[in-house]
Structures are given as C-alpha cells and as structure tokens.
Amino acid sequence: MTGNRGRHVLARVFECLGTSPLLQRRD
C-alpha cells in the first residue's frame, strides 16, 4: 500500500510542476 501512495504523490507532484516525464515516456 505504501508503493501505491508514493506513486500517487509523485504523479501529483509532476502535475503541479507541469512536467510529466512518465507521460512523455509513454508517448
């Protein structure tokens, strides 16, 4: 459950920064 929380937090941080390297990689 800790991993899930960390992933969510990271996703939120990236969204706040406006930079989504993970999304770019998927694209």
N, C-alpha and C. Protein backbone atom coordinates (compact mmCIF):
# COMPACT_ATOMS: atom_id res chain seq x y z
N MET A 1 0.84 -1.21 0.00
CA MET A 1 0.00 0.00 0.00
C MET A 1 0.88 1.25 0.00
N THR A 2 2.07 1.11 0.55
CA THR A 2 2.96 2.29 0.59
C THR A 2 3.37 2.69 -0.83
N GLY A 3 3.64 1.68 -1.66
CA GLY A 3 4.06 1.98 -3.04
C GLY A 3 2.96 2.74 -3.78
N ASN A 4 1.73 2.30 -3.58
CA ASN A 4 0.62 2.96 -4.26
C ASN A 4 0.56 4.44 -3.87
N ARG A 5 0.76 4.68 -2.60
CA ARG A 5 0.68 6.09 -2.10
C ARG A 5 1.83 6.90 -2.72
N GLY A 6 3.00 6.34 -2.72
CA GLY A 6 4.14 7.06 -3.28
C GLY A 6 3.91 7.39 -4.75
N ARG A 7 3.33 6.44 -5.47
CA ARG A 7 3.09 6.68 -6.91
C ARG A 7 2.11 7.84 -7.08
N HIS A 8 1.08 7.82 -6.28
CA HIS A 8 0.06 8.88 -6.38
C HIS A 8 0.69 10.25 -6.07
N VAL A 9 1.50 10.27 -5.03
CA VAL A 9 2.14 11.53 -4.64
C VAL A 9 3.03 12.04 -5.76
N LEU A 10 3.81 11.16 -6.33
CA LEU A 10 4.72 11.57 -7.42
C LEU A 10 3.93 12.11 -8.60
N ALA A 11 2.87 11.41 -8.94
CA ALA A 11 2.02 11.85 -10.06
C ALA A 11 1.49 13.26 -9.77
N ARG A 12 1.08 13.49 -8.55
CA ARG A 12 0.50 14.80 -8.18
C ARG A 12 1.61 15.86 -8.27
N VAL A 13 2.77 15.53 -7.79
CA VAL A 13 3.89 16.50 -7.82
C VAL A 13 4.22 16.86 -9.27
N PHE A 14 4.29 15.86 -10.12
CA PHE A 14 4.61 16.11 -11.53
C PHE A 14 3.55 17.01 -12.15
N GLU A 15 2.29 16.76 -11.81
CA GLU A 15 1.20 17.57 -12.37
C GLU A 15 1.34 19.01 -11.90
N CYS A 16 1.69 19.17 -10.63
CA CYS A 16 1.85 20.52 -10.07
C CYS A 16 3.00 21.25 -10.79
N LEU A 17 4.07 20.52 -11.04
CA LEU A 17 5.23 21.13 -11.71
C LEU A 17 4.94 21.38 -13.18
N GLY A 18 4.01 20.61 -13.72
CA GLY A 18 3.67 20.80 -15.13
C GLY A 18 4.59 19.96 -16.01
N THR A 19 5.39 19.10 -15.38
CA THR A 19 6.31 18.25 -16.16
C THR A 19 6.01 16.78 -15.88
N SER A 20 5.65 16.06 -16.90
CA SER A 20 5.32 14.64 -16.70
C SER A 20 6.25 13.76 -17.54
N PRO A 21 7.45 13.50 -17.03
CA PRO A 21 8.42 12.66 -17.75
C PRO A 21 7.84 11.26 -17.99
N LEU A 22 7.06 10.79 -17.03
CA LEU A 22 6.47 9.45 -17.18
C LEU A 22 5.50 9.44 -18.36
N LEU A 23 4.71 10.49 -18.46
CA LEU A 23 3.74 10.56 -19.57
C LEU A 23 4.48 10.69 -20.89
N GLN A 24 5.52 11.50 -20.89
CA GLN A 24 6.30 11.69 -22.11
C GLN A 24 6.90 10.36 -22.56
N ARG A 25 7.37 9.60 -21.62
CA ARG A 25 7.99 8.29 -21.95
C ARG A 25 6.91 7.39 -22.57
N ARG A 26 5.72 7.44 -22.01
CA ARG A 26 4.63 6.60 -22.54
C ARG A 26 4.32 7.03 -23.98
N ASP A 27 4.35 8.30 -24.21
CA ASP A 27 4.06 8.80 -25.56
C ASP A 27 5.21 8.39 -26.48
